């Protein structure tokens, strides 16, 4: 091992210990991030009703796009940072971080301005009905203000993790979620502010997380950031975007799926006994419940990124393969637990988000059981697409990130209902998940074989 690897534990520490140290705080941070929406959904469901839940559902794509921007910058910057550190190039690592921080602020402000300007057309495109629209506008006008804070916090948490501070990354997210959880019932039930109160609580929580994230800029362990590094460079931005693209576009794809789902559910729901609002509300709860499971998987994936990136940059391919295998093992265990929960306790899960009539529960329980039937293998695609970004092969990561959402799921959502009605939407999920899993196994098998050959030549 070279001197750089001897200095940094990523190059020599036991993989299981490293993955625990990086993945567990990352999982907690991702869970906390998803709790912003889950907590809002629960309190809104109890305090406002299913129309409030439907409103947060149609507003959710805007948050997903916001997270896509954060991943584009955060994962891209963190991947470059890890690869440069592994190669002993600290100057380039510092430039990648400085440019990334500038991107966070520029993209965050621009996104908020665009959302505020085109809010009603966006919510209409996302499937808001006439009854849902007032709630959706009230909620999103306020949450849009916090979106730059969310982008900076999430992107900085990736950099802090790559710098060897996973617990600090976790703390940034945890503080905001705790504040949000405390304020939500106060604003909704005590002050009777409805969906607007939930939105205000969310933004206040994001603000305190943002302050903690900013503090880390002066406390990097492996580099020293100077003023000259804080500038936007087109070349640096493109390099960062190329490595963050697969994770980012996966979030964008989720947004596209949500838009197609919402509109398809309202269209085919109107032709069924369930009507327009029941499928829309039920889908929002099911997708956000699944987001908790995905948050754990993404946390494992992000926790493995610094280990994979550093060791790939240092040409320690055996450690790269070992890290990937262990991340997949963890994913399968977590996904198996999620599968059991969705199959055996769907009504209990749905009841957390408020009550509904018999028709509501009939559709929601069936939707959860069938649409999420293949969650057991769903995380393999997520971890694998991030794996390719971590080793500096963004095109392969991009292709994998598109398989489930764009290549398979959206076409199936559009085609199957032509023959099966609203039932076609329900069955589109497991079919797309299984197809994406098959494609992922082919990509990974080839990459692992190639890495073994490179290891033999090293």
Protein backbone atom coordinates (compact mmCIF):
# COMPACT_ATOMS: atom_id res chain seq x y z
CA UNK A 1 0.00 0.00 0.00
CA UNK A 2 1.18 3.53 -0.75
CA UNK A 3 1.64 6.19 1.89
CA UNK A 4 -1.80 7.72 1.23
CA UNK A 5 -3.53 4.41 1.94
CA UNK A 6 -1.58 3.98 5.16
CA UNK A 7 -2.74 7.42 6.32
CA UNK A 8 -6.44 6.91 5.52
CA UNK A 9 -8.41 4.07 7.22
CA UNK A 10 -10.43 3.62 4.03
CA UNK A 11 -7.37 1.98 2.52
CA UNK A 12 -6.57 -0.54 5.23
CA UNK A 13 -9.36 -0.87 7.85
CA UNK A 14 -11.53 -4.01 7.88
CA UNK A 15 -14.38 -3.60 5.35
CA UNK A 16 -17.14 -4.74 7.73
CA UNK A 17 -16.04 -2.17 10.31
CA UNK A 18 -15.81 0.59 7.70
CA UNK A 19 -19.21 -0.19 6.23
CA UNK A 20 -20.83 -0.21 9.66
CA UNK A 21 -19.17 3.10 10.52
CA UNK A 22 -20.23 4.78 7.28
CA UNK A 23 -23.49 3.06 6.37
CA UNK A 24 -25.31 3.15 9.72
CA UNK A 25 -25.09 6.96 10.11
CA UNK A 26 -25.95 7.31 6.42
CA UNK A 27 -29.01 5.07 6.84
CA UNK A 28 -30.14 7.12 9.83
CA UNK A 29 -29.61 10.35 7.87
CA UNK A 30 -31.64 9.05 4.91
CA UNK A 31 -34.40 7.78 7.19
CA UNK A 32 -34.54 11.17 8.86
CA UNK A 33 -34.71 12.86 5.47
CA UNK A 34 -37.65 10.68 4.43
CA UNK A 35 -39.34 11.38 7.77
CA UNK A 36 -39.91 15.00 6.75
CA UNK A 37 -42.56 13.79 4.30
CA UNK A 38 -43.77 10.81 6.33
CA UNK A 39 -44.38 12.89 9.48
CA UNK A 40 -46.22 15.52 7.44
CA UNK A 41 -48.31 12.78 5.84
CA UNK A 42 -49.29 11.24 9.19
CA UNK A 43 -50.21 14.50 10.91
CA UNK A 44 -51.97 15.90 7.84
CA UNK A 45 -53.92 12.66 7.47
CA UNK A 46 -55.05 12.85 11.10
CA UNK A 47 -55.68 16.61 11.15
CA UNK A 48 -56.86 17.44 7.63
CA UNK A 49 -58.00 14.17 6.01
CA UNK A 50 -57.28 12.24 2.85
CA UNK A 51 -57.53 15.36 0.65
CA UNK A 52 -54.56 16.75 2.57
CA UNK A 53 -52.69 13.50 1.95
CA UNK A 54 -53.53 13.70 -1.74
CA UNK A 55 -52.16 17.28 -1.75
CA UNK A 56 -48.80 16.22 -0.34
CA UNK A 57 -48.75 13.40 -2.89
CA UNK A 58 -49.08 15.73 -5.88
CA UNK A 59 -46.51 18.08 -4.30
CA UNK A 60 -44.05 15.25 -3.68
CA UNK A 61 -42.47 15.30 -7.19
CA UNK A 62 -41.12 18.79 -6.44
CA UNK A 63 -39.30 17.44 -3.39
CA UNK A 64 -38.02 14.50 -5.44
CA UNK A 65 -36.59 16.87 -8.05
CA UNK A 66 -35.00 18.88 -5.23
CA UNK A 67 -33.33 15.71 -3.92
CA UNK A 68 -32.24 14.88 -7.47
CA UNK A 69 -30.36 18.19 -7.60
CA UNK A 70 -28.80 17.51 -4.20
CA UNK A 71 -27.65 14.04 -5.33
CA UNK A 72 -26.30 15.39 -8.63
CA UNK A 73 -24.03 17.76 -6.73
CA UNK A 74 -23.50 15.82 -3.51
CA UNK A 75 -22.78 12.35 -4.93
CA UNK A 76 -20.85 13.83 -7.84
CA UNK A 77 -18.62 15.96 -5.60
CA UNK A 78 -18.21 13.20 -3.02
CA UNK A 79 -17.26 10.62 -5.69
CA UNK A 80 -14.61 12.93 -7.16
CA UNK A 81 -13.39 13.81 -3.68
CA UNK A 82 -12.98 10.11 -2.75
CA UNK A 83 -11.29 9.16 -6.03
CA UNK A 84 -8.81 12.06 -5.73
CA UNK A 85 -8.05 11.25 -2.10
CA UNK A 86 -7.44 7.62 -3.01
CA UNK A 87 -4.99 8.78 -5.66
CA UNK A 88 -3.27 11.22 -3.28
CA UNK A 89 -4.46 14.34 -5.20
CA UNK A 90 -5.58 16.64 -2.38
CA UNK A 91 -5.46 19.83 -4.45
CA UNK A 92 -7.94 18.43 -6.95
CA UNK A 93 -10.07 17.09 -4.11
CA UNK A 94 -10.31 20.59 -2.62
CA UNK A 95 -11.28 22.10 -5.98
CA UNK A 96 -14.04 19.51 -6.40
CA UNK A 97 -15.47 20.41 -2.97
CA UNK A 98 -15.28 24.19 -3.46
CA UNK A 99 -16.96 24.03 -6.85
CA UNK A 100 -19.61 21.67 -5.46
CA UNK A 101 -20.53 24.07 -2.65
CA UNK A 102 -20.98 26.91 -5.16
CA UNK A 103 -23.21 24.65 -7.28
CA UNK A 104 -25.41 23.86 -4.27
CA UNK A 105 -26.31 27.49 -3.66
CA UNK A 106 -26.70 28.44 -7.34
CA UNK A 107 -28.94 25.50 -8.21
CA UNK A 108 -30.96 25.80 -4.98
CA UNK A 109 -31.90 29.44 -5.49
CA UNK A 110 -32.71 28.94 -9.18
CA UNK A 111 -34.95 25.96 -8.43
CA UNK A 112 -36.99 27.82 -5.81
CA UNK A 113 -37.57 30.75 -8.17
CA UNK A 114 -38.80 28.43 -10.93
CA UNK A 115 -41.13 26.52 -8.59
CA UNK A 116 -42.73 29.70 -7.23
CA UNK A 117 -43.21 31.08 -10.76
CA UNK A 118 -44.80 27.97 -12.28
CA UNK A 119 -46.41 26.32 -9.25
CA UNK A 120 -50.00 25.94 -10.49
CA UNK A 121 -49.07 24.48 -13.91
CA UNK A 122 -46.64 22.10 -12.20
CA UNK A 123 -49.21 20.86 -9.67
CA UNK A 124 -51.74 20.43 -12.47
CA UNK A 125 -49.22 18.34 -14.41
CA UNK A 126 -48.54 16.28 -11.27
CA UNK A 127 -52.21 15.24 -11.10
CA UNK A 128 -53.87 17.74 -8.74
CA UNK A 129 -57.68 17.66 -9.01
CA UNK A 130 -59.93 20.66 -8.39
CA UNK A 131 -60.58 19.52 -4.80
CA UNK A 132 -56.92 18.87 -4.03
CA UNK A 133 -55.40 21.98 -5.66
CA UNK A 134 -56.03 24.53 -2.81
CA UNK A 135 -54.34 22.24 -0.28
CA UNK A 136 -51.44 21.56 -2.64
CA UNK A 137 -50.81 25.26 -3.33
CA UNK A 138 -50.95 26.15 0.39
CA UNK A 139 -48.45 23.42 1.22
CA UNK A 140 -46.00 23.92 -1.67
CA UNK A 141 -45.78 27.73 -1.65
CA UNK A 142 -44.13 27.40 1.76
CA UNK A 143 -42.03 24.25 1.30
CA UNK A 144 -40.50 25.71 -1.88
CA UNK A 145 -38.78 28.35 0.28
CA UNK A 146 -36.87 25.61 2.10
CA UNK A 147 -35.69 23.79 -1.01
CA UNK A 148 -32.29 25.57 -1.26
CA UNK A 149 -31.73 24.63 2.39
CA UNK A 150 -32.59 21.01 1.60
CA UNK A 151 -30.20 20.93 -1.36
CA UNK A 152 -27.25 22.34 0.62
CA UNK A 153 -27.89 20.08 3.62
CA UNK A 154 -28.18 16.87 1.60
CA UNK A 155 -25.24 17.63 -0.67
CA UNK A 156 -22.98 18.67 2.22
CA UNK A 157 -23.91 15.50 4.12
CA UNK A 158 -22.46 13.45 1.24
CA UNK A 159 -19.22 15.43 1.36
CA UNK A 160 -18.96 15.13 5.14
CA UNK A 161 -19.44 11.37 4.85
CA UNK A 162 -16.76 11.11 2.15
CA UNK A 163 -14.43 13.13 4.39
CA UNK A 164 -14.75 10.52 7.12
CA UNK A 165 -17.46 12.19 9.24
CA UNK A 166 -20.58 10.03 8.79
CA UNK A 167 -21.89 10.87 12.28
CA UNK A 168 -21.77 14.60 11.58
CA UNK A 169 -23.67 13.97 8.35
CA UNK A 170 -26.29 12.08 10.31
CA UNK A 171 -26.57 14.82 12.94
CA UNK A 172 -27.28 17.46 10.28
CA UNK A 173 -30.35 15.55 9.14
CA UNK A 174 -31.44 14.40 12.59
CA UNK A 175 -31.68 17.90 14.10
CA UNK A 176 -34.06 19.13 11.41
CA UNK A 177 -36.30 16.06 11.61
CA UNK A 178 -36.65 16.29 15.39
CA UNK A 179 -37.62 19.96 15.16
CA UNK A 180 -40.10 19.20 12.38
CA UNK A 181 -41.68 16.36 14.37
CA UNK A 182 -42.11 18.58 17.43
CA UNK A 183 -43.58 21.51 15.52
CA UNK A 184 -45.95 19.58 13.24
CA UNK A 185 -48.62 18.70 15.85
CA UNK A 186 -48.34 22.17 17.40
CA UNK A 187 -49.00 23.98 14.12
CA UNK A 188 -51.66 21.52 12.87
CA UNK A 189 -53.64 20.61 16.01
CA UNK A 190 -52.97 23.48 18.46
CA UNK A 191 -52.76 26.45 16.07
CA UNK A 192 -55.11 24.84 13.49
CA UNK A 193 -52.91 25.87 10.54
CA UNK A 194 -53.60 22.73 8.47
CA UNK A 195 -51.26 21.86 5.61
CA UNK A 196 -49.62 25.30 5.84
CA UNK A 197 -48.59 24.52 9.42
CA UNK A 198 -46.97 21.26 8.33
CA UNK A 199 -45.09 23.12 5.60
CA UNK A 200 -43.82 25.80 8.02
CA UNK A 201 -42.63 23.12 10.46
CA UNK A 202 -40.74 21.43 7.62
CA UNK A 203 -38.94 24.62 6.57
CA UNK A 204 -37.96 25.52 10.15
CA UNK A 205 -36.44 22.06 10.61
CA UNK A 206 -34.58 22.37 7.31
CA UNK A 207 -33.14 25.73 8.37
CA UNK A 208 -31.44 24.32 11.46
CA UNK A 209 -30.08 21.35 9.48
CA UNK A 210 -28.74 23.86 6.94
CA UNK A 211 -26.86 25.80 9.63
CA UNK A 212 -25.10 22.62 10.81
CA UNK A 213 -24.22 21.68 7.25
CA UNK A 214 -22.67 25.10 6.63
CA UNK A 215 -20.52 24.74 9.74
CA UNK A 216 -18.72 21.72 8.26
CA UNK A 217 -17.19 23.82 5.47
CA UNK A 218 -14.55 25.00 7.96
CA UNK A 219 -13.95 21.55 9.47
CA UNK A 220 -12.88 19.20 6.65
CA UNK A 221 -10.36 16.61 7.88
CA UNK A 222 -8.48 15.68 4.72
CA UNK A 223 -8.31 19.02 2.91
CA UNK A 224 -8.08 22.70 3.74
CA UNK A 225 -10.55 24.82 1.82
CA UNK A 226 -9.24 28.22 0.72
CA UNK A 227 -11.15 31.08 -0.87
CA UNK A 228 -9.67 30.38 -4.32
CA UNK A 229 -11.45 27.01 -4.44
CA UNK A 230 -14.91 28.58 -4.14
CA UNK A 231 -15.69 29.37 -7.74
CA UNK A 232 -17.85 27.88 -10.46
CA UNK A 233 -15.92 26.23 -13.26
CA UNK A 234 -17.76 24.73 -16.23
CA UNK A 235 -15.24 21.90 -16.47
CA UNK A 236 -15.53 21.12 -12.75
CA UNK A 237 -19.34 21.31 -12.88
CA UNK A 238 -19.51 18.90 -15.82
CA UNK A 239 -17.15 16.44 -14.10
CA UNK A 240 -19.23 16.58 -10.92
CA UNK A 241 -22.49 16.22 -12.82
CA UNK A 242 -21.22 13.20 -14.78
CA UNK A 243 -20.56 11.23 -11.58
CA UNK A 244 -23.75 12.34 -9.84
CA UNK A 245 -25.95 11.87 -12.88
CA UNK A 246 -27.00 8.26 -12.29
CA UNK A 247 -28.24 8.96 -8.75
CA UNK A 248 -29.82 12.23 -9.80
CA UNK A 249 -31.64 10.85 -12.81
CA UNK A 250 -32.91 7.98 -10.70
CA UNK A 251 -34.68 10.60 -8.57
CA UNK A 252 -35.90 12.41 -11.69
CA UNK A 253 -37.18 9.09 -12.99
CA UNK A 254 -39.06 8.59 -9.72
CA UNK A 255 -40.63 11.99 -10.33
CA UNK A 256 -41.68 11.01 -13.86
CA UNK A 257 -43.13 7.79 -12.50
CA UNK A 258 -45.07 9.75 -9.86
CA UNK A 259 -46.50 12.09 -12.50
CA UNK A 260 -47.52 9.23 -14.80
CA UNK A 261 -48.88 7.26 -11.82
CA UNK A 262 -50.92 10.17 -10.48
CA UNK A 263 -52.49 10.98 -13.82
CA UNK A 264 -53.11 7.32 -14.71
CA UNK A 265 -54.67 6.62 -11.30
CA UNK A 266 -57.05 9.57 -11.55
CA UNK A 267 -58.00 8.68 -15.16
CA UNK A 268 -58.58 4.95 -14.64
CA UNK A 269 -59.82 5.50 -11.09
CA UNK A 270 -62.65 7.65 -12.47
CA UNK A 271 -63.66 4.65 -14.61
CA UNK A 272 -63.69 2.33 -11.58
CA UNK A 273 -65.72 2.09 -8.39
CA UNK A 274 -62.89 3.84 -6.47
CA UNK A 275 -63.20 7.27 -8.09
CA UNK A 276 -60.35 9.76 -8.65
CA UNK A 277 -59.28 10.69 -5.11
CA UNK A 278 -59.00 7.27 -3.42
CA UNK A 279 -56.31 5.83 -5.75
CA UNK A 280 -54.42 9.13 -5.64
CA UNK A 281 -54.35 9.28 -1.83
CA UNK A 282 -53.58 5.55 -1.45
CA UNK A 283 -50.72 5.70 -3.93
CA UNK A 284 -49.13 8.61 -2.08
CA UNK A 285 -49.11 6.69 1.19
CA UNK A 286 -47.80 3.48 -0.40
CA UNK A 287 -45.00 5.28 -2.25
CA UNK A 288 -43.92 7.23 0.82
CA UNK A 289 -44.02 4.09 2.96
CA UNK A 290 -41.80 2.38 0.41
CA UNK A 291 -39.57 5.46 0.54
CA UNK A 292 -38.66 4.47 4.11
CA UNK A 293 -37.32 1.14 2.86
CA UNK A 294 -35.56 2.84 -0.05
CA UNK A 295 -34.02 5.33 2.39
CA UNK A 296 -32.32 2.44 4.20
CA UNK A 297 -31.05 0.97 0.92
CA UNK A 298 -29.81 4.34 -0.33
CA UNK A 299 -28.14 4.89 3.05
CA UNK A 300 -26.25 1.60 2.65
CA UNK A 301 -25.32 2.60 -0.90
CA UNK A 302 -24.10 6.06 0.11
CA UNK A 303 -22.21 4.60 3.07
CA UNK A 304 -20.33 2.27 0.73
CA UNK A 305 -19.48 5.05 -1.76
CA UNK A 306 -16.42 6.54 0.01
CA UNK A 307 -14.97 3.06 0.64
CA UNK A 308 -15.50 1.94 -2.96
CA UNK A 309 -14.30 5.22 -4.48
CA UNK A 310 -11.15 5.49 -2.37
CA UNK A 311 -10.06 1.88 -2.92
CA UNK A 312 -10.84 1.96 -6.63
CA UNK A 313 -8.72 5.10 -6.94
CA UNK A 314 -5.95 3.27 -5.05
CA UNK A 315 -6.28 0.18 -7.32
CA UNK A 316 -7.29 -2.06 -4.38
CA UNK A 317 -9.93 -3.93 -6.36
CA UNK A 318 -10.41 -6.83 -3.94
CA UNK A 319 -11.56 -4.35 -1.28
CA UNK A 320 -13.92 -2.75 -3.81
CA UNK A 321 -15.56 -6.09 -4.62
CA UNK A 322 -15.79 -7.04 -0.96
CA UNK A 323 -17.51 -3.75 -0.10
CA UNK A 324 -20.07 -4.20 -2.88
CA UNK A 325 -20.87 -7.78 -1.84
CA UNK A 326 -21.37 -6.79 1.79
CA UNK A 327 -23.62 -3.85 0.83
CA UNK A 328 -25.81 -6.21 -1.23
CA UNK A 329 -26.04 -8.67 1.66
CA UNK A 330 -27.21 -5.92 4.00
CA UNK A 331 -29.70 -4.74 1.40
CA UNK A 332 -31.25 -8.19 0.99
CA UNK A 333 -31.80 -8.55 4.73
CA UNK A 334 -33.47 -5.14 5.03
CA UNK A 335 -35.57 -5.71 1.89
CA UNK A 336 -36.78 -9.07 3.25
CA UNK A 337 -38.04 -7.31 6.39
CA UNK A 338 -39.79 -4.69 4.24
CA UNK A 339 -41.39 -7.40 2.09
CA UNK A 340 -42.86 -9.10 5.18
CA UNK A 341 -44.23 -5.80 6.50
CA UNK A 342 -45.89 -4.87 3.21
CA UNK A 343 -47.42 -8.32 2.69
CA UNK A 344 -48.59 -9.15 6.20
CA UNK A 345 -49.36 -5.77 7.82
CA UNK A 346 -50.57 -3.42 5.04
CA UNK A 347 -53.77 -2.27 6.79
CA UNK A 348 -51.91 -1.50 10.02
CA UNK A 349 -49.37 0.58 8.08
CA UNK A 350 -52.06 2.43 6.13
CA UNK A 351 -54.03 3.18 9.32
CA UNK A 352 -51.14 5.29 10.61
CA UNK A 353 -51.95 7.86 7.94
CA UNK A 354 -55.58 8.41 8.88
CA UNK A 355 -58.86 6.61 8.38
CA UNK A 356 -60.87 5.85 5.27
CA UNK A 357 -63.95 3.99 4.13
CA UNK A 358 -64.11 0.34 3.06
CA UNK A 359 -63.39 1.17 -0.59
CA UNK A 360 -60.30 3.13 0.36
CA UNK A 361 -58.82 0.26 2.37
CA UNK A 362 -59.80 -2.28 -0.29
CA UNK A 363 -57.76 -0.48 -2.95
CA UNK A 364 -54.90 0.69 -0.71
CA UNK A 365 -54.20 -2.75 0.80
CA UNK A 366 -54.25 -4.44 -2.61
CA UNK A 367 -52.06 -1.71 -4.14
CA UNK A 368 -49.44 -2.03 -1.39
CA UNK A 369 -49.26 -5.84 -1.54
CA UNK A 370 -49.00 -6.17 -5.32
CA UNK A 371 -47.16 -3.00 -6.37
CA UNK A 372 -44.42 -3.64 -3.78
CA UNK A 373 -44.26 -7.41 -4.25
CA UNK A 374 -40.71 -7.38 -5.71
CA UNK A 375 -39.09 -5.05 -3.16
CA UNK A 376 -36.83 -7.94 -2.16
CA UNK A 377 -34.63 -7.35 -5.25
CA UNK A 378 -35.39 -3.69 -5.86
CA UNK A 379 -32.40 -2.43 -3.85
CA UNK A 380 -29.86 -4.35 -5.95
CA UNK A 381 -30.42 -1.94 -8.83
CA UNK A 382 -30.06 1.12 -6.58
CA UNK A 383 -26.81 -0.04 -4.99
CA UNK A 384 -25.38 -1.13 -8.32
CA UNK A 385 -26.06 2.15 -10.11
CA UNK A 386 -24.36 4.04 -7.28
CA UNK A 387 -21.48 1.53 -7.40
CA UNK A 388 -20.70 2.49 -11.01
CA UNK A 389 -20.77 6.19 -10.13
CA UNK A 390 -18.37 5.55 -7.23
CA UNK A 391 -15.79 3.88 -9.50
CA UNK A 392 -15.97 6.68 -12.06
CA UNK A 393 -18.15 4.94 -14.69
CA UNK A 394 -21.19 7.21 -14.79
CA UNK A 395 -22.61 5.99 -18.11
CA UNK A 396 -23.17 2.47 -16.78
CA UNK A 397 -24.61 3.90 -13.58
CA UNK A 398 -26.93 6.10 -15.62
CA UNK A 399 -28.17 3.19 -17.72
CA UNK A 400 -28.90 1.12 -14.61
CA UNK A 401 -30.67 3.99 -12.86
CA UNK A 402 -32.99 4.31 -15.88
CA UNK A 403 -33.91 0.62 -16.21
CA UNK A 404 -36.56 0.28 -13.53
CA UNK A 405 -38.22 3.69 -13.72
CA UNK A 406 -38.00 4.84 -17.35
CA UNK A 407 -37.30 1.80 -19.51
CA UNK A 408 -39.71 -0.59 -17.79
CA UNK A 409 -42.11 0.99 -15.28
CA UNK A 410 -43.45 4.01 -17.20
CA UNK A 411 -44.22 2.01 -20.39
CA UNK A 412 -45.91 -0.71 -18.31
CA UNK A 413 -48.03 1.88 -16.44
CA UNK A 414 -49.17 3.26 -19.79
CA UNK A 415 -49.71 -0.07 -21.60
CA UNK A 416 -51.11 -2.54 -19.05
CA UNK A 417 -54.16 -0.42 -18.03
CA UNK A 418 -55.30 -0.44 -21.69
CA UNK A 419 -56.08 -4.12 -21.18
CA UNK A 420 -56.55 -4.44 -17.41
CA UNK A 421 -57.84 -1.02 -16.35
CA UNK A 422 -56.62 0.25 -12.97
CA UNK A 423 -55.41 -3.30 -12.16
CA UNK A 424 -52.76 -2.87 -14.87
CA UNK A 425 -51.19 -0.04 -12.88
CA UNK A 426 -51.06 -2.26 -9.80
CA UNK A 427 -49.17 -5.04 -11.60
CA UNK A 428 -46.76 -2.72 -13.42
CA UNK A 429 -44.60 -2.31 -10.28
CA UNK A 430 -43.46 -5.91 -9.68
CA UNK A 431 -43.00 -6.56 -13.41
CA UNK A 432 -40.66 -3.56 -13.76
CA UNK A 433 -38.74 -4.45 -10.59
CA UNK A 434 -38.00 -7.98 -11.78
CA UNK A 435 -36.93 -6.87 -15.27
CA UNK A 436 -34.56 -4.24 -13.81
CA UNK A 437 -33.04 -6.84 -11.49
CA UNK A 438 -32.20 -9.13 -14.42
CA UNK A 439 -30.47 -6.31 -16.32
CA UNK A 440 -28.52 -5.27 -13.21
CA UNK A 441 -27.13 -8.77 -12.63
CA UNK A 442 -25.72 -8.82 -16.18
CA UNK A 443 -23.98 -5.43 -15.75
CA UNK A 444 -22.49 -6.33 -12.38
CA UNK A 445 -21.28 -9.79 -13.45
CA UNK A 446 -19.33 -8.24 -16.34
CA UNK A 447 -17.84 -5.50 -14.14
CA UNK A 448 -16.72 -7.91 -11.42
CA UNK A 449 -15.08 -10.14 -14.04
CA UNK A 450 -13.27 -7.11 -15.50
CA UNK A 451 -12.12 -6.02 -12.04
CA UNK A 452 -10.63 -9.45 -11.33
CA UNK A 453 -8.59 -9.19 -14.53
CA UNK A 454 -7.36 -5.71 -13.52
CA UNK A 455 -6.46 -7.09 -10.09
CA UNK A 456 -4.32 -9.79 -11.70
CA UNK A 457 -2.42 -7.20 -13.76
CA UNK A 458 -1.83 -4.87 -10.77
